[in-house]
Amino acid sequence: MRVTIYSKPDCHLCDEMKAMVHLVLDGDAHTSIEEIDISDNLVLLDRYGLEIPVLMIDGTKVAKYRVSEAELRQMVGGRGKGNL
């Protein structure tokens, strides 16, 4: 599974989402987590600038702004620490 977080520096919501993703998914050998800073990319800034953070799973947008631990676990089918 490929997880992508679109974010920018100095964004507290971005920091919260990154922390939640790492809490749930770090250690899952079948998951890659990529954090993309949109601040230097005009195309991504135009696309996601008002919605950050944006969470994508396997190329599909699944959340923006916030995601709870329960929501994230449901999105990834219960995968993550303790559920591998």
Protein backbone atom coordinates (compact mmCIF):
# COMPACT_ATOMS: atom_id res chain seq x y z
CA MET A 1 0.00 0.00 0.00
CA ARG A 2 1.27 3.47 -0.87
CA VAL A 3 0.35 6.32 1.48
CA THR A 4 1.03 9.92 0.43
CA ILE A 5 0.55 13.04 2.53
CA TYR A 6 0.53 16.40 0.73
CA SER A 7 1.49 19.14 3.17
CA LYS A 8 3.56 22.27 3.74
CA PRO A 9 5.86 23.51 6.49
CA ASP A 10 4.41 25.34 9.50
CA CYS A 11 1.03 23.61 9.12
CA HIS A 12 -0.21 22.21 12.44
CA LEU A 13 -2.91 20.11 10.76
CA CYS A 14 -0.22 18.62 8.52
CA ASP A 15 1.92 17.75 11.52
CA GLU A 16 -1.08 16.12 13.23
CA MET A 17 -1.93 14.01 10.18
CA LYS A 18 1.70 12.93 9.67
CA ALA A 19 1.91 11.88 13.31
CA MET A 20 -1.32 9.87 13.03
CA VAL A 21 -0.20 8.13 9.85
CA HIS A 22 3.13 7.20 11.40
CA LEU A 23 1.46 6.06 14.63
CA VAL A 24 -0.82 3.68 12.74
CA LEU A 25 1.39 2.56 9.86
CA ASP A 26 5.06 2.71 10.88
CA GLY A 27 6.42 -0.80 10.95
CA ASP A 28 4.03 -2.16 8.31
CA ALA A 29 6.40 -3.78 5.84
CA HIS A 30 3.75 -3.63 3.10
CA THR A 31 3.23 0.13 3.34
CA SER A 32 5.31 3.01 2.03
CA ILE A 33 4.70 6.49 3.41
CA GLU A 34 5.65 9.52 1.34
CA GLU A 35 5.39 13.10 2.56
CA ILE A 36 5.26 15.68 -0.22
CA ASP A 37 5.89 19.38 0.48
CA ILE A 38 3.65 21.31 -1.92
CA SER A 39 5.05 24.74 -1.06
CA ASP A 40 7.64 24.76 -3.89
CA ASN A 41 5.46 23.15 -6.56
CA LEU A 42 2.98 25.52 -8.21
CA VAL A 43 0.88 22.71 -9.70
CA LEU A 44 0.50 20.91 -6.36
CA LEU A 45 0.01 24.20 -4.51
CA ASP A 46 -2.82 25.10 -6.88
CA ARG A 47 -4.37 21.62 -6.59
CA TYR A 48 -4.08 21.07 -2.82
CA GLY A 49 -3.23 24.47 -1.30
CA LEU A 50 -6.63 25.04 0.32
CA GLU A 51 -7.14 21.43 1.40
CA ILE A 52 -3.89 20.47 3.12
CA PRO A 53 -3.10 18.14 4.55
CA VAL A 54 -4.38 15.70 1.95
CA LEU A 55 -4.07 11.97 2.53
CA MET A 56 -3.91 9.61 -0.42
CA ILE A 57 -3.92 5.83 -0.30
CA ASP A 58 -2.80 4.10 -3.49
CA GLY A 59 -3.47 7.30 -5.46
CA THR A 60 -6.99 7.92 -4.12
CA LYS A 61 -7.77 10.91 -1.90
CA VAL A 62 -9.19 9.49 1.33
CA ALA A 63 -8.99 12.46 3.73
CA LYS A 64 -8.17 16.11 4.06
CA TYR A 65 -7.58 18.36 7.08
CA ARG A 66 -7.90 15.65 9.78
CA VAL A 67 -8.13 11.89 10.21
CA SER A 68 -8.70 10.01 13.45
CA GLU A 69 -6.93 6.81 14.37
CA ALA A 70 -10.16 4.82 13.98
CA GLU A 71 -10.88 6.36 10.56
CA LEU A 72 -7.35 5.65 9.35
CA ARG A 73 -7.43 2.06 10.59
CA GLN A 74 -10.74 1.54 8.79
CA MET A 75 -9.32 3.05 5.58
CA VAL A 76 -6.36 0.69 5.61
CA GLY A 77 -8.41 -2.32 6.55
CA GLY A 78 -7.14 -2.67 10.10
CA ARG A 79 -3.48 -2.74 9.07
CA GLY A 80 -0.90 -1.03 11.19
CA LYS A 81 0.85 -1.59 14.49
CA GLY A 82 -0.63 -4.47 16.34
CA ASN A 83 -2.76 -5.51 13.38
CA LEU A 84 -0.21 -6.75 10.88
